[in-house]
Amino acid sequence: MENVEEKVKSVLLEILDVKPEVIVPTASFIDDLNATSIDIVEILTALQNTFDVDISDEEAEKIQTVQDAVNFLKGAIAQK
């Protein structure tokens, strides 16, 4: 089974037109991966569906990098 990091990377590759090597933990969705606000909504929706978690608007605002997403998801999964 894929780990959280690999699943997040897979979701990002599906939605964004980027090369796999640019998806690093410190990559900002907007600044480094050139995600639009629509892309961000798609990413968050896909992550919610993939991991079967809810991401509130307040939490979503804090998720700005690949590592932010991984950290949030690991925490959400642990609370299940």
Protein backbone atom coordinates (compact mmCIF):
# COMPACT_ATOMS: atom_id res chain seq x y z
CA MET A 1 0.00 0.00 0.00
CA GLU A 2 1.17 3.49 -0.84
CA ASN A 3 2.19 5.76 1.98
CA VAL A 4 0.64 9.18 2.55
CA GLU A 5 3.43 11.03 0.76
CA GLU A 6 3.11 8.86 -2.35
CA LYS A 7 -0.68 9.21 -2.45
CA VAL A 8 -0.44 13.01 -2.10
CA LYS A 9 2.13 13.10 -4.91
CA SER A 10 -0.13 10.93 -7.06
CA VAL A 11 -3.09 13.29 -6.51
CA LEU A 12 -0.94 16.30 -7.38
CA LEU A 13 0.36 14.65 -10.54
CA GLU A 14 -3.21 13.93 -11.65
CA ILE A 15 -4.37 17.51 -11.18
CA LEU A 16 -1.33 19.66 -11.90
CA ASP A 17 0.75 19.74 -15.05
CA VAL A 18 4.09 19.27 -13.29
CA LYS A 19 6.98 16.83 -13.38
CA PRO A 20 7.21 14.36 -10.48
CA GLU A 21 10.61 15.69 -9.39
CA VAL A 22 9.19 19.16 -8.55
CA ILE A 23 6.80 17.67 -6.00
CA VAL A 24 9.02 17.89 -2.94
CA PRO A 25 7.92 18.40 0.69
CA THR A 26 8.78 22.11 0.69
CA ALA A 27 7.00 22.84 -2.60
CA SER A 28 4.30 25.48 -2.28
CA PHE A 29 1.16 24.62 -4.24
CA ILE A 30 0.87 28.17 -5.59
CA ASP A 31 4.46 29.46 -5.75
CA ASP A 32 6.31 26.30 -6.81
CA LEU A 33 3.67 24.13 -8.47
CA ASN A 34 1.75 27.03 -10.08
CA ALA A 35 -1.62 25.81 -8.80
CA THR A 36 -4.59 28.10 -9.37
CA SER A 37 -7.33 28.56 -6.79
CA ILE A 38 -9.45 26.11 -8.79
CA ASP A 39 -6.57 23.60 -8.71
CA ILE A 40 -6.35 24.01 -4.93
CA VAL A 41 -10.06 23.20 -4.56
CA GLU A 42 -9.62 20.14 -6.79
CA ILE A 43 -6.57 19.01 -4.81
CA LEU A 44 -8.31 19.37 -1.46
CA THR A 45 -11.41 17.57 -2.73
CA ALA A 46 -9.29 14.75 -4.16
CA LEU A 47 -7.35 14.44 -0.90
CA GLN A 48 -10.59 14.30 1.11
CA ASN A 49 -11.91 11.55 -1.17
CA THR A 50 -8.65 9.62 -1.32
CA PHE A 51 -8.09 9.61 2.44
CA ASP A 52 -11.75 9.70 3.53
CA VAL A 53 -11.19 12.75 5.75
CA ASP A 54 -12.83 16.15 6.06
CA ILE A 55 -10.79 19.32 5.55
CA SER A 56 -12.47 22.42 6.97
CA ASP A 57 -12.02 25.80 5.30
CA GLU A 58 -9.90 26.90 8.26
CA GLU A 59 -7.65 23.84 7.94
CA ALA A 60 -7.48 24.22 4.16
CA GLU A 61 -6.04 27.74 4.51
CA LYS A 62 -3.12 26.28 6.49
CA ILE A 63 -2.29 23.68 3.83
CA GLN A 64 0.08 25.54 1.54
CA THR A 65 2.89 23.08 0.86
CA VAL A 66 3.16 19.39 0.06
CA GLN A 67 4.45 18.76 3.60
CA ASP A 68 1.52 20.71 5.10
CA ALA A 69 -0.86 18.36 3.29
CA VAL A 70 1.04 15.25 4.39
CA ASN A 71 1.18 16.41 8.02
CA PHE A 72 -2.53 17.26 8.09
CA LEU A 73 -3.52 13.96 6.51
CA LYS A 74 -1.35 11.89 8.85
CA GLY A 75 -2.95 13.66 11.80
CA ALA A 76 -6.47 13.21 10.42
CA ILE A 77 -5.86 9.51 9.76
CA ALA A 78 -4.46 9.01 13.27
CA GLN A 79 -7.62 10.54 14.76
CA LYS A 80 -9.91 8.10 12.94
